[in-house]
C-alpha atoms as a PDB file:
ATOM      1  CA  MET A   1       7.076-106.633-192.091  1.00  0.00           C
ATOM      2  CA  GLU A   2       9.063-109.563-190.822  1.00  0.00           C
ATOM      3  CA  GLN A   3      10.292-109.928-187.259  1.00  0.00           C
ATOM      4  CA  PRO A   4      13.487-111.063-186.520  1.00  0.00           C
ATOM      5  CA  THR A   5      14.169-114.292-185.101  1.00  0.00           C
ATOM      6  CA  SER A   6      14.883-114.002-181.201  1.00  0.00           C
ATOM      7  CA  ALA A   7      18.685-115.823-181.916  1.00  0.00           C
ATOM      8  CA  SER A   8      19.746-113.247-184.449  1.00  0.00           C
ATOM      9  CA  GLN A   9      17.916-110.443-182.058  1.00  0.00           C
ATOM     10  CA  SER A  10      20.035-111.357-179.353  1.00  0.00           C
ATOM     11  CA  ALA A  11      23.182-111.862-181.158  1.00  0.00           C
ATOM     12  CA  THR A  12      23.636-108.843-182.413  1.00  0.00           C
ATOM     13  CA  MET A  13      21.591-106.271-180.080  1.00  0.00           C
ATOM     14  CA  ALA A  14      24.025-107.434-177.328  1.00  0.00           C
ATOM     15  CA  ALA A  15      26.525-105.512-179.597  1.00  0.00           C
ATOM     16  CA  ILE A  16      24.876-102.181-179.229  1.00  0.00           C
ATOM     17  CA  PRO A  17      26.835-100.391-176.735  1.00  0.00           C
ATOM     18  CA  GLN A  18      25.241 -98.243-173.876  1.00  0.00           C
ATOM     19  CA  GLY A  19      25.884 -94.962-173.833  1.00  0.00           C
ATOM     20  CA  THR A  20      28.177 -92.868-176.374  1.00  0.00           C
ATOM     21  CA  GLN A  21      31.517 -95.088-177.494  1.00  0.00           C
ATOM     22  CA  LEU A  22      35.028 -93.932-179.422  1.00  0.00           C
ATOM     23  CA  ALA A  23      35.465 -96.398-182.489  1.00  0.00           C
ATOM     24  CA  LEU A  24      38.370 -96.272-184.927  1.00  0.00           C
ATOM     25  CA  GLN A  25      37.848 -97.386-188.377  1.00  0.00           C
ATOM     26  CA  MET A  26      40.137-100.412-188.839  1.00  0.00           C
ATOM     27  CA  PRO A  27      41.468-102.418-191.563  1.00  0.00           C
ATOM     28  CA  ALA A  28      39.584-105.701-192.255  1.00  0.00           C
ATOM     29  CA  GLU A  29      42.956-107.293-192.387  1.00  0.00           C
ATOM     30  CA  PRO A  30      45.179-105.287-189.455  1.00  0.00           C
ATOM     31  CA  SER A  31      48.447-106.369-188.619  1.00  0.00           C
ATOM     32  CA  ALA A  32      49.786-106.670-185.050  1.00  0.00           C
ATOM     33  CA  GLU A  33      50.818-103.166-184.809  1.00  0.00           C
ATOM     34  CA  ASP A  34      47.270-102.101-185.753  1.00  0.00           C
ATOM     35  CA  LEU A  35      45.735-103.802-183.162  1.00  0.00           C
ATOM     36  CA  GLN A  36      48.036-102.466-180.479  1.00  0.00           C
ATOM     37  CA  PHE A  37      47.580 -98.794-181.945  1.00  0.00           C
ATOM     38  CA  ALA A  38      43.774 -99.104-181.082  1.00  0.00           C
ATOM     39  CA  GLN A  39      44.685-100.677-177.639  1.00  0.00           C
ATOM     40  CA  GLN A  40      46.765 -98.045-176.642  1.00  0.00           C
ATOM     41  CA  LEU A  41      44.452 -95.759-177.309  1.00  0.00           C
ATOM     42  CA  GLY A  42      41.832 -96.821-175.302  1.00  0.00           C
ATOM     43  CA  VAL A  43      38.745 -97.119-177.942  1.00  0.00           C
ATOM     44  CA  LYS A  44      36.456-100.589-177.449  1.00  0.00           C
ATOM     45  CA  HIS A  45      34.649-100.887-180.910  1.00  0.00           C
ATOM     46  CA  VAL A  46      35.622-100.414-184.642  1.00  0.00           C
ATOM     47  CA  VAL A  47      34.359-100.437-187.583  1.00  0.00           C
ATOM     48  CA  LEU A  48      35.363-102.065-190.373  1.00  0.00           C
ATOM     49  CA  TRP A  49      34.665-102.289-194.460  1.00  0.00           C
ATOM     50  CA  THR A  50      35.362-104.597-197.040  1.00  0.00           C
ATOM     51  CA  ASP A  51      35.096-105.666-200.604  1.00  0.00           C
ATOM     52  CA  GLY A  52      32.645-107.873-202.621  1.00  0.00           C
ATOM     53  CA  ALA A  53      34.909-110.586-203.113  1.00  0.00           C
ATOM     54  CA  HIS A  54      35.293-111.032-199.248  1.00  0.00           C
ATOM     55  CA  ALA A  55      32.175-110.102-197.780  1.00  0.00           C
ATOM     56  CA  GLY A  56      30.402-113.030-196.485  1.00  0.00           C
ATOM     57  CA  TYR A  57      29.432-114.873-192.933  1.00  0.00           C
ATOM     58  CA  ASP A  58      33.168-116.889-193.062  1.00  0.00           C
ATOM     59  CA  TYR A  59      34.665-113.362-193.244  1.00  0.00           C
ATOM     60  CA  TYR A  60      32.682-111.166-191.063  1.00  0.00           C
ATOM     61  CA  ALA A  61      32.841-114.108-188.505  1.00  0.00           C
ATOM     62  CA  SER A  62      36.960-114.316-188.910  1.00  0.00           C
ATOM     63  CA  ARG A  63      37.441-110.573-188.282  1.00  0.00           C
ATOM     64  CA  ARG A  64      35.304-110.770-185.285  1.00  0.00           C
ATOM     65  CA  GLN A  65      37.567-113.109-184.052  1.00  0.00           C
ATOM     66  CA  ILE A  66      40.660-111.558-184.603  1.00  0.00           C
ATOM     67  CA  TYR A  67      39.496-108.036-182.951  1.00  0.00           C
ATOM     68  CA  GLU A  68      37.567-109.926-179.822  1.00  0.00           C
ATOM     69  CA  ASP A  69      41.016-111.515-179.401  1.00  0.00           C
ATOM     70  CA  ALA A  70      42.664-107.901-178.973  1.00  0.00           C
ATOM     71  CA  GLY A  71      39.981-107.094-176.897  1.00  0.00           C
ATOM     72  CA  LEU A  72      38.103-104.849-179.375  1.00  0.00           C
ATOM     73  CA  THR A  73      34.388-105.228-180.896  1.00  0.00           C
ATOM     74  CA  ILE A  74      33.266-104.567-184.269  1.00  0.00           C
ATOM     75  CA  TYR A  75      30.205-102.273-183.940  1.00  0.00           C
ATOM     76  CA  GLY A  76      30.390-101.964-187.881  1.00  0.00           C
ATOM     77  CA  PHE A  77      30.894-103.898-191.224  1.00  0.00           C
ATOM     78  CA  GLY A  78      30.305-102.071-194.304  1.00  0.00           C
ATOM     79  CA  ASN A  79      31.115-103.285-198.062  1.00  0.00           C
ATOM     80  CA  TRP A  80      32.124-101.174-200.669  1.00  0.00           C
ATOM     81  CA  ASP A  81      29.941-102.859-203.317  1.00  0.00           C
ATOM     82  CA  VAL A  82      27.100-102.237-202.344  1.00  0.00           C
ATOM     83  CA  HIS A  83      27.327 -98.947-201.317  1.00  0.00           C
ATOM     84  CA  ASN A  84      26.900 -95.803-203.559  1.00  0.00           C
ATOM     85  CA  GLN A  85      25.491 -97.797-206.266  1.00  0.00           C
ATOM     86  CA  ASP A  86      24.265 -96.469-209.190  1.00  0.00           C
ATOM     87  CA  ALA A  87      22.364 -99.088-210.139  1.00  0.00           C
ATOM     88  CA  ILE A  88      20.355 -98.858-207.037  1.00  0.00           C
ATOM     89  CA  VAL A  89      19.748 -95.341-206.994  1.00  0.00           C
ATOM     90  CA  LEU A  90      19.155 -94.847-210.643  1.00  0.00           C
ATOM     91  CA  ASN A  91      17.201 -98.134-211.438  1.00  0.00           C
ATOM     92  CA  LEU A  92      19.742 -99.010-214.091  1.00  0.00           C
ATOM     93  CA  PRO A  93      20.642-102.733-215.393  1.00  0.00           C
ATOM     94  CA  GLY A  94      21.727-105.128-212.291  1.00  0.00           C
ATOM     95  CA  ARG A  95      19.619-103.177-210.088  1.00  0.00           C
ATOM     96  CA  ASP A  96      17.639-106.158-208.587  1.00  0.00           C
ATOM     97  CA  ALA A  97      20.851-108.321-208.481  1.00  0.00           C
ATOM     98  CA  LYS A  98      22.857-105.300-206.402  1.00  0.00           C
ATOM     99  CA  ILE A  99      20.079-105.729-204.289  1.00  0.00           C
ATOM    100  CA  GLU A 100      20.715-109.333-203.526  1.00  0.00           C
ATOM    101  CA  GLN A 101      23.524-108.910-202.975  1.00  0.00           C
ATOM    102  CA  TYR A 102      22.929-106.624-200.032  1.00  0.00           C
ATOM    103  CA  LYS A 103      20.301-108.646-198.667  1.00  0.00           C
ATOM    104  CA  GLN A 104      22.551-111.437-198.346  1.00  0.00           C
ATOM    105  CA  HIS A 105      25.576-109.398-196.873  1.00  0.00           C
ATOM    106  CA  LEU A 106      22.810-108.239-193.912  1.00  0.00           C
ATOM    107  CA  ARG A 107      22.527-111.907-193.225  1.00  0.00           C
ATOM    108  CA  ALA A 108      25.970-112.545-193.279  1.00  0.00           C
ATOM    109  CA  LEU A 109      26.171-109.685-190.937  1.00  0.00           C
ATOM    110  CA  GLY A 110      23.180-111.322-188.799  1.00  0.00           C
ATOM    111  CA  ARG A 111      25.156-114.128-188.422  1.00  0.00           C
ATOM    112  CA  ALA A 112      28.208-112.906-187.625  1.00  0.00           C
ATOM    113  CA  GLY A 113      26.564-111.098-184.778  1.00  0.00           C
ATOM    114  CA  ILE A 114      27.677-107.707-186.136  1.00  0.00           C
ATOM    115  CA  PRO A 115      24.620-105.249-185.050  1.00  0.00           C
ATOM    116  CA  TYR A 116      25.263-102.524-187.613  1.00  0.00           C
ATOM    117  CA  THR A 117      26.036-101.451-190.916  1.00  0.00           C
ATOM    118  CA  THR A 118      26.288 -98.160-192.843  1.00  0.00           C
ATOM    119  CA  TYR A 119      24.647 -97.334-196.300  1.00  0.00           C
ATOM    120  CA  ALA A 120      25.136 -94.132-198.430  1.00  0.00           C
ATOM    121  CA  HIS A 121      22.993 -93.420-201.216  1.00  0.00           C
ATOM    122  CA  MET A 122      24.539 -91.718-204.253  1.00  0.00           C
ATOM    123  CA  ALA A 123      24.422 -92.299-207.764  1.00  0.00           C
ATOM    124  CA  ASN A 124      27.662 -90.253-208.345  1.00  0.00           C
ATOM    125  CA  GLY A 125      30.117 -90.375-205.131  1.00  0.00           C
ATOM    126  CA  ILE A 126      31.390 -88.131-203.232  1.00  0.00           C
ATOM    127  CA  TRP A 127      32.701 -84.688-204.781  1.00  0.00           C
ATOM    128  CA  SER A 128      35.559 -82.960-204.038  1.00  0.00           C
ATOM    129  CA  THR A 129      37.754 -80.095-205.833  1.00  0.00           C
ATOM    130  CA  THR A 130      41.103 -79.956-204.854  1.00  0.00           C
ATOM    131  CA  VAL A 131      43.514 -80.782-201.745  1.00  0.00           C
ATOM    132  CA  GLU A 132      43.931 -77.441-199.548  1.00  0.00           C
ATOM    133  CA  GLN A 133      45.868 -76.603-196.474  1.00  0.00           C
ATOM    134  CA  THR A 134      44.373 -76.688-193.284  1.00  0.00           C
ATOM    135  CA  ARG A 135      46.197 -75.434-189.756  1.00  0.00           C
ATOM    136  CA  GLY A 136      49.316 -75.592-189.753  1.00  0.00           C
ATOM    137  CA  GLY A 137      49.457 -76.224-193.689  1.00  0.00           C
ATOM    138  CA  ALA A 138      47.776 -79.690-193.322  1.00  0.00           C
ATOM    139  CA  PRO A 139      46.510 -81.204-196.570  1.00  0.00           C
ATOM    140  CA  ALA A 140      42.619 -81.558-196.282  1.00  0.00           C
ATOM    141  CA  ARG A 141      39.997 -82.245-198.616  1.00  0.00           C
ATOM    142  CA  GLY A 142      38.375 -79.497-200.279  1.00  0.00           C
ATOM    143  CA  PHE A 143      35.151 -78.664-202.418  1.00  0.00           C
ATOM    144  CA  ASP A 144      33.715 -75.402-203.996  1.00  0.00           C
ATOM    145  CA  LEU A 145      30.622 -75.623-205.738  1.00  0.00           C
ATOM    146  CA  ALA A 146      31.699 -73.193-208.622  1.00  0.00           C
ATOM    147  CA  GLN A 147      34.740 -75.662-209.179  1.00  0.00           C
ATOM    148  CA  ALA A 148      33.013 -79.049-209.353  1.00  0.00           C
ATOM    149  CA  GLU A 149      34.131 -81.250-212.227  1.00  0.00           C
ATOM    150  CA  SER A 150      33.867 -84.677-211.175  1.00  0.00           C
ATOM    151  CA  GLY A 151      32.928 -86.973-208.034  1.00  0.00           C
ATOM    152  CA  HIS A 152      34.109 -90.464-207.481  1.00  0.00           C
ATOM    153  CA  TRP A 153      33.454 -93.890-205.090  1.00  0.00           C
ATOM    154  CA  ARG A 154      36.287 -95.769-205.219  1.00  0.00           C
ATOM    155  CA  ASP A 155      37.864 -96.516-208.690  1.00  0.00           C
ATOM    156  CA  LEU A 156      34.676 -95.070-210.651  1.00  0.00           C
ATOM    157  CA  ARG A 157      34.581 -91.322-211.482  1.00  0.00           C
ATOM    158  CA  TYR A 158      31.913 -89.570-212.793  1.00  0.00           C
ATOM    159  CA  PHE A 159      31.844 -85.998-214.331  1.00  0.00           C
ATOM    160  CA  MET A 160      30.051 -82.914-214.970  1.00  0.00           C
ATOM    161  CA  PRO A 161      27.620 -81.955-216.912  1.00  0.00           C
ATOM    162  CA  LEU A 162      25.352 -85.256-217.007  1.00  0.00           C
ATOM    163  CA  SER A 163      27.745 -88.062-215.135  1.00  0.00           C
ATOM    164  CA  HIS A 164      25.128 -90.999-216.237  1.00  0.00           C
ATOM    165  CA  GLY A 165      24.012 -89.043-219.740  1.00  0.00           C
ATOM    166  CA  ARG A 166      20.948 -87.700-218.961  1.00  0.00           C
ATOM    167  CA  ALA A 167      18.864 -85.374-215.710  1.00  0.00           C
ATOM    168  CA  TYR A 168      17.202 -87.654-213.653  1.00  0.00           C
ATOM    169  CA  THR A 169      14.009 -86.278-211.957  1.00  0.00           C
ATOM    170  CA  GLU A 170      13.425 -86.171-207.720  1.00  0.00           C
ATOM    171  CA  ALA A 171      10.568 -88.428-208.231  1.00  0.00           C
ATOM    172  CA  GLU A 172      12.564 -90.845-210.313  1.00  0.00           C
ATOM    173  CA  LEU A 173      14.744 -90.794-206.918  1.00  0.00           C
ATOM    174  CA  TRP A 174      12.163 -91.270-204.776  1.00  0.00           C
ATOM    175  CA  GLU A 175      10.481 -94.147-206.185  1.00  0.00           C
ATOM    176  CA  ASN A 176      13.931 -95.888-206.684  1.00  0.00           C
ATOM    177  CA  PHE A 177      14.515 -95.575-202.894  1.00  0.00           C
ATOM    178  CA  SER A 178      11.130 -96.698-202.255  1.00  0.00           C
ATOM    179  CA  TYR A 179      11.905 -99.841-203.893  1.00  0.00           C
ATOM    180  CA  PHE A 180      15.373-100.791-202.585  1.00  0.00           C
ATOM    181  CA  ILE A 181      14.512-100.221-198.739  1.00  0.00           C
ATOM    182  CA  ARG A 182      11.045-101.837-198.692  1.00  0.00           C
ATOM    183  CA  GLU A 183      13.720-104.958-200.368  1.00  0.00           C
ATOM    184  CA  VAL A 184      15.787-104.735-197.459  1.00  0.00           C
ATOM    185  CA  ALA A 185      14.831-103.375-194.715  1.00  0.00           C
ATOM    186  CA  PRO A 186      12.359-106.973-193.964  1.00  0.00           C
ATOM    187  CA  VAL A 187      15.898-108.442-194.297  1.00  0.00           C
ATOM    188  CA  ALA A 188      17.550-105.859-191.978  1.00  0.00           C
ATOM    189  CA  GLU A 189      15.062-106.870-189.518  1.00  0.00           C
ATOM    190  CA  GLN A 190      15.301-110.473-189.361  1.00  0.00           C
ATOM    191  CA  ALA A 191      18.951-110.591-189.455  1.00  0.00           C
ATOM    192  CA  GLY A 192      18.964-108.213-186.055  1.00  0.00           C
ATOM    193  CA  VAL A 193      21.000-105.619-187.812  1.00  0.00           C
ATOM    194  CA  ARG A 194      20.526-102.176-188.456  1.00  0.00           C
ATOM    195  CA  ILE A 195      21.023-100.270-191.175  1.00  0.00           C
ATOM    196  CA  GLY A 196      22.602 -96.224-190.668  1.00  0.00           C
ATOM    197  CA  ILE A 197      22.099 -94.214-193.962  1.00  0.00           C
ATOM    198  CA  HIS A 198      25.090 -91.759-194.360  1.00  0.00           C
ATOM    199  CA  PRO A 199      24.194 -88.002-196.058  1.00  0.00           C
ATOM    200  CA  ASP A 200      24.964 -87.530-199.464  1.00  0.00           C
ATOM    201  CA  ASP A 201      28.395 -85.725-199.763  1.00  0.00           C
ATOM    202  CA  PRO A 202      28.472 -82.804-200.599  1.00  0.00           C
ATOM    203  CA  PRO A 203      25.062 -82.713-199.353  1.00  0.00           C
ATOM    204  CA  GLY A 204      21.629 -80.249-201.039  1.00  0.00           C
ATOM    205  CA  VAL A 205      22.589 -79.280-204.254  1.00  0.00           C
ATOM    206  CA  ASP A 206      22.235 -81.284-207.416  1.00  0.00           C
ATOM    207  CA  LEU A 207      25.212 -82.732-208.940  1.00  0.00           C
ATOM    208  CA  ALA A 208      25.952 -83.846-212.558  1.00  0.00           C
ATOM    209  CA  GLY A 209      22.321 -84.486-213.417  1.00  0.00           C
ATOM    210  CA  VAL A 210      21.378 -86.072-210.553  1.00  0.00           C
ATOM    211  CA  PRO A 211      19.364 -84.691-207.737  1.00  0.00           C
ATOM    212  CA  ARG A 212      20.637 -84.818-203.761  1.00  0.00           C
ATOM    213  CA  CYS A 213      17.075 -84.471-202.756  1.00  0.00           C
ATOM    214  CA  ILE A 214      17.090 -87.636-200.404  1.00  0.00           C
ATOM    215  CA  PHE A 215      20.003 -87.811-197.968  1.00  0.00           C
ATOM    216  CA  GLY A 216      20.678 -83.901-198.748  1.00  0.00           C
ATOM    217  CA  ASN A 217      18.672 -82.258-196.202  1.00  0.00           C
ATOM    218  CA  PHE A 218      16.463 -83.069-193.082  1.00  0.00           C
ATOM    219  CA  ALA A 219      13.002 -83.168-194.921  1.00  0.00           C
ATOM    220  CA  GLY A 220      14.295 -85.973-197.259  1.00  0.00           C
ATOM    221  CA  TYR A 221      15.117 -87.639-194.140  1.00  0.00           C
ATOM    222  CA  GLN A 222      12.148 -87.469-192.567  1.00  0.00           C
ATOM    223  CA  ARG A 223      10.291 -88.735-195.613  1.00  0.00           C
ATOM    224  CA  ALA A 224      12.910 -91.562-195.835  1.00  0.00           C
ATOM    225  CA  LEU A 225      12.357 -92.993-192.821  1.00  0.00           C
ATOM    226  CA  GLU A 226       8.813 -93.040-193.105  1.00  0.00           C
ATOM    227  CA  ILE A 227       8.825 -94.750-195.933  1.00  0.00           C
ATOM    228  CA  ALA A 228      11.381 -97.513-194.829  1.00  0.00           C
ATOM    229  CA  ASP A 229       9.043 -97.590-191.284  1.00  0.00           C
ATOM    230  CA  SER A 230      11.379 -99.637-189.892  1.00  0.00           C
ATOM    231  CA  PRO A 231      12.924-100.056-186.467  1.00  0.00           C
ATOM    232  CA  ASN A 232      16.395-101.125-188.362  1.00  0.00           C
ATOM    233  CA  VAL A 233      16.864 -98.452-190.777  1.00  0.00           C
ATOM    234  CA  GLY A 234      17.927 -95.288-189.293  1.00  0.00           C
ATOM    235  CA  VAL A 235      20.511 -92.602-189.556  1.00  0.00           C
ATOM    236  CA  CYS A 236      24.774 -92.655-189.776  1.00  0.00           C
ATOM    237  CA  PHE A 237      24.546 -89.049-189.033  1.00  0.00           C
ATOM    238  CA  CYS A 238      27.871 -87.632-190.097  1.00  0.00           C
ATOM    239  CA  VAL A 239      28.523 -84.309-188.473  1.00  0.00           C
ATOM    240  CA  GLY A 240      30.829 -83.041-191.638  1.00  0.00           C
ATOM    241  CA  CYS A 241      28.514 -83.632-193.763  1.00  0.00           C
ATOM    242  CA  TRP A 242      25.308 -81.395-191.783  1.00  0.00           C
ATOM    243  CA  LEU A 243      27.860 -78.422-191.640  1.00  0.00           C
ATOM    244  CA  GLU A 244      29.101 -78.663-195.421  1.00  0.00           C
ATOM    245  CA  GLY A 245      25.388 -78.204-196.074  1.00  0.00           C
ATOM    246  CA  GLY A 246      24.120 -75.489-193.335  1.00  0.00           C
ATOM    247  CA  VAL A 247      21.065 -73.607-194.236  1.00  0.00           C
ATOM    248  CA  LEU A 248      20.607 -75.992-196.928  1.00  0.00           C
ATOM    249  CA  MET A 249      19.799 -78.767-194.191  1.00  0.00           C
ATOM    250  CA  GLY A 250      16.701 -77.142-193.365  1.00  0.00           C
ATOM    251  CA  ASN A 251      17.271 -77.873-190.116  1.00  0.00           C
ATOM    252  CA  GLY A 252      20.246 -77.436-187.595  1.00  0.00           C
ATOM    253  CA  THR A 253      23.043 -79.928-186.203  1.00  0.00           C
ATOM    254  CA  LEU A 254      22.780 -80.085-182.979  1.00  0.00           C
ATOM    255  CA  GLU A 255      18.426 -79.927-182.872  1.00  0.00           C
ATOM    256  CA  SER A 256      19.117 -82.713-185.922  1.00  0.00           C
ATOM    257  CA  ILE A 257      20.629 -85.464-183.663  1.00  0.00           C
ATOM    258  CA  ARG A 258      17.651 -84.874-180.896  1.00  0.00           C
ATOM    259  CA  ALA A 259      15.303 -85.003-183.836  1.00  0.00           C
ATOM    260  CA  PHE A 260      16.593 -88.275-184.967  1.00  0.00           C
ATOM    261  CA  ALA A 261      17.238 -89.547-181.273  1.00  0.00           C
ATOM    262  CA  GLU A 262      14.298 -89.135-180.142  1.00  0.00           C
ATOM    263  CA  GLN A 263      12.741 -91.422-183.100  1.00  0.00           C
ATOM    264  CA  GLY A 264      15.358 -94.230-181.936  1.00  0.00           C
ATOM    265  CA  LYS A 265      17.151 -93.457-185.630  1.00  0.00           C
ATOM    266  CA  LEU A 266      20.217 -92.406-184.565  1.00  0.00           C
ATOM    267  CA  PHE A 267      22.884 -95.198-184.982  1.00  0.00           C
ATOM    268  CA  LYS A 268      26.023 -93.506-185.636  1.00  0.00           C
ATOM    269  CA  VAL A 269      28.189 -90.792-185.865  1.00  0.00           C
ATOM    270  CA  HIS A 270      31.184 -89.456-187.787  1.00  0.00           C
ATOM    271  CA  PHE A 271      32.533 -86.891-185.390  1.00  0.00           C
ATOM    272  CA  ARG A 272      33.892 -84.130-187.943  1.00  0.00           C
ATOM    273  CA  ASN A 273      34.129 -80.192-189.016  1.00  0.00           C
ATOM    274  CA  VAL A 274      34.885 -78.115-191.944  1.00  0.00           C
ATOM    275  CA  ASP A 275      35.660 -74.283-191.693  1.00  0.00           C
ATOM    276  CA  ALA A 276      32.333 -73.422-193.486  1.00  0.00           C
ATOM    277  CA  PRO A 277      29.065 -74.244-195.165  1.00  0.00           C
ATOM    278  CA  LEU A 278      28.755 -74.674-199.180  1.00  0.00           C
ATOM    279  CA  PRO A 279      29.104 -73.239-201.618  1.00  0.00           C
ATOM    280  CA  HIS A 280      32.720 -73.632-200.269  1.00  0.00           C
ATOM    281  CA  PHE A 281      34.351 -75.907-197.664  1.00  0.00           C
ATOM    282  CA  VAL A 282      37.543 -77.225-196.191  1.00  0.00           C
ATOM    283  CA  GLU A 283      37.288 -80.316-193.739  1.00  0.00           C
ATOM    284  CA  THR A 284      39.383 -79.094-190.467  1.00  0.00           C
ATOM    285  CA  PHE A 285      40.501 -80.492-187.326  1.00  0.00           C
ATOM    286  CA  VAL A 286      37.871 -81.262-184.770  1.00  0.00           C
ATOM    287  CA  ASP A 287      38.895 -78.250-182.934  1.00  0.00           C
ATOM    288  CA  ASP A 288      39.021 -76.038-185.770  1.00  0.00           C
ATOM    289  CA  GLY A 289      35.782 -75.672-187.580  1.00  0.00           C
ATOM    290  CA  TYR A 290      33.160 -73.179-187.739  1.00  0.00           C
ATOM    291  CA  MET A 291      30.928 -76.209-185.044  1.00  0.00           C
ATOM    292  CA  ASP A 292      32.073 -75.867-181.266  1.00  0.00           C
ATOM    293  CA  MET A 293      32.186 -79.570-181.207  1.00  0.00           C
ATOM    294  CA  TYR A 294      31.477 -79.840-177.674  1.00  0.00           C
ATOM    295  CA  LYS A 295      28.342 -79.221-178.153  1.00  0.00           C
ATOM    296  CA  VAL A 296      27.771 -82.196-180.814  1.00  0.00           C
ATOM    297  CA  MET A 297      29.014 -84.670-177.950  1.00  0.00           C
ATOM    298  CA  ARG A 298      27.195 -82.465-175.141  1.00  0.00           C
ATOM    299  CA  GLU A 299      24.254 -83.169-177.366  1.00  0.00           C
ATOM    300  CA  LEU A 300      25.242 -86.871-177.775  1.00  0.00           C
ATOM    301  CA  ARG A 301      25.104 -87.295-173.945  1.00  0.00           C
ATOM    302  CA  ALA A 302      22.069 -85.466-173.425  1.00  0.00           C
ATOM    303  CA  VAL A 303      19.822 -87.385-175.632  1.00  0.00           C
ATOM    304  CA  GLY A 304      20.838 -90.800-174.434  1.00  0.00           C
ATOM    305  CA  PHE A 305      22.891 -92.091-177.657  1.00  0.00           C
ATOM    306  CA  ASN A 306      24.023 -95.626-177.559  1.00  0.00           C
ATOM    307  CA  GLY A 307      26.187 -96.272-180.475  1.00  0.00           C
ATOM    308  CA  VAL A 308      29.417 -95.223-181.336  1.00  0.00           C
ATOM    309  CA  ALA A 309      31.372 -92.168-182.875  1.00  0.00           C
ATOM    310  CA  ILE A 310      34.286 -91.979-184.957  1.00  0.00           C
ATOM    311  CA  ALA A 311      37.245 -89.944-186.193  1.00  0.00           C
ATOM    312  CA  ASP A 312      36.753 -89.473-189.531  1.00  0.00           C
ATOM    313  CA  HIS A 313      38.005 -87.497-192.771  1.00  0.00           C
ATOM    314  CA  ILE A 314      40.973 -86.539-190.664  1.00  0.00           C
ATOM    315  CA  PRO A 315      43.717 -83.011-191.962  1.00  0.00           C
ATOM    316  CA  THR A 316      47.115 -85.109-192.207  1.00  0.00           C
ATOM    317  CA  MET A 317      49.514 -83.891-189.893  1.00  0.00           C
ATOM    318  CA  VAL A 318      53.380 -84.193-189.602  1.00  0.00           C
ATOM    319  CA  GLY A 319      54.417 -87.782-188.483  1.00  0.00           C
ATOM    320  CA  GLY A 320      51.167 -89.810-190.594  1.00  0.00           C
ATOM    321  CA  PRO A 321      47.555 -90.982-190.557  1.00  0.00           C
ATOM    322  CA  ARG A 322      48.393 -92.038-187.096  1.00  0.00           C
ATOM    323  CA  VAL A 323      49.274 -89.213-185.510  1.00  0.00           C
ATOM    324  CA  SER A 324      46.386 -87.658-186.726  1.00  0.00           C
ATOM    325  CA  THR A 325      44.085 -90.168-185.596  1.00  0.00           C
ATOM    326  CA  ALA A 326      45.735 -90.278-181.896  1.00  0.00           C
ATOM    327  CA  TYR A 327      45.228 -86.342-181.989  1.00  0.00           C
ATOM    328  CA  THR A 328      41.390 -86.751-182.982  1.00  0.00           C
ATOM    329  CA  ILE A 329      40.790 -89.682-180.673  1.00  0.00           C
ATOM    330  CA  GLY A 330      42.713 -87.863-177.634  1.00  0.00           C
ATOM    331  CA  TYR A 331      40.575 -84.987-178.463  1.00  0.00           C
ATOM    332  CA  MET A 332      36.946 -86.502-178.771  1.00  0.00           C
ATOM    333  CA  LYS A 333      37.824 -88.227-175.462  1.00  0.00           C
ATOM    334  CA  SER A 334      38.518 -85.320-173.350  1.00  0.00           C
ATOM    335  CA  LEU A 335      35.007 -83.880-174.740  1.00  0.00           C
ATOM    336  CA  LEU A 336      33.071 -87.579-173.704  1.00  0.00           C
ATOM    337  CA  ARG A 337      34.465 -87.290-170.985  1.00  0.00           C
ATOM    338  CA  ARG A 338      33.380 -83.580-170.019  1.00  0.00           C
ATOM    339  CA  ALA A 339      30.184 -84.181-171.088  1.00  0.00           C
ATOM    340  CA  ASN A 340      30.026 -87.197-169.336  1.00  0.00           C
ATOM    341  CA  GLU A 341      31.106 -85.803-166.226  1.00  0.00           C
ATOM    342  CA  GLU A 342      28.668 -82.329-166.504  1.00  0.00           C
ATOM    343  CA  ALA A 343      25.864 -84.633-166.875  1.00  0.00           C
ATOM    344  CA  GLU A 344      26.526 -86.658-163.364  1.00  0.00           C
ATOM    345  CA  ARG A 345      26.864 -83.272-161.436  1.00  0.00           C
ATOM    346  CA  PRO A 346      24.376 -83.308-159.058  1.00  0.00           C
END
């Protein structure tokens, strides 16, 4: 595969933080209050998303300047228009155009000195069933496999029984992924940008005729990373998705973190919890699910993770999203401090 140029490599690798850092998902068009909120929380890194109309070097570079002026570093930047694309996953008309758009996204990130982007490979989106309540009546996303009717990505909706008119085989899915990743991995290397692949949500089950066989279990991830065969293709490890899958993942949450880290493939962590594994789960506060999230933070410290952990899919508290985010970041900061202090004790 093509090797990254020294200029792109140095520009992007310099933005990879040492040790586990906490990050916020922030708007690409932040208000002064948004920036102040991040500063008050004491985070140093942010993750942004935009759409295809804005994606490109000029926009990425301008966002970087805005955030750097506020003392914040953009760790990752995603483009919704090249994320969860059924044309790529299922080899539909327009596939090659979407792949070319993805390559342009990677090249623009590299030029802008942004080291990372998250990618998800779901043909029919994220599936939920109804808003449920978690602690204190906080509304939260729920999913019950027995009641599953539709998935979504952005404004698109996908419905049972066959979201794309027919059932697809696992062999087709693997062939399509191989085609995609072999096209984009060399570009990621040349640009000096890391691609972290997010698990299917929910993982481990077939939905509307599309198997979730690649990023719905540990063995699928391992095979996919071997196919990619690139230092720039790794894992966006969503703890919540891994907990959703439970035994269907084929490897435990902590064990999987350790395995991916040992391979140098752990690029980013979505730090969230759920009340139970499939077939029915509800997203919860980080301190109120079936995983002790301190064990996750301790494992990140133990494996020497260099990257960011973000607060993700937070139930809505009284007072709105900023209250929920502040609570979660405060809790994560305490867990990280404890993990660091325990690791540093003689």
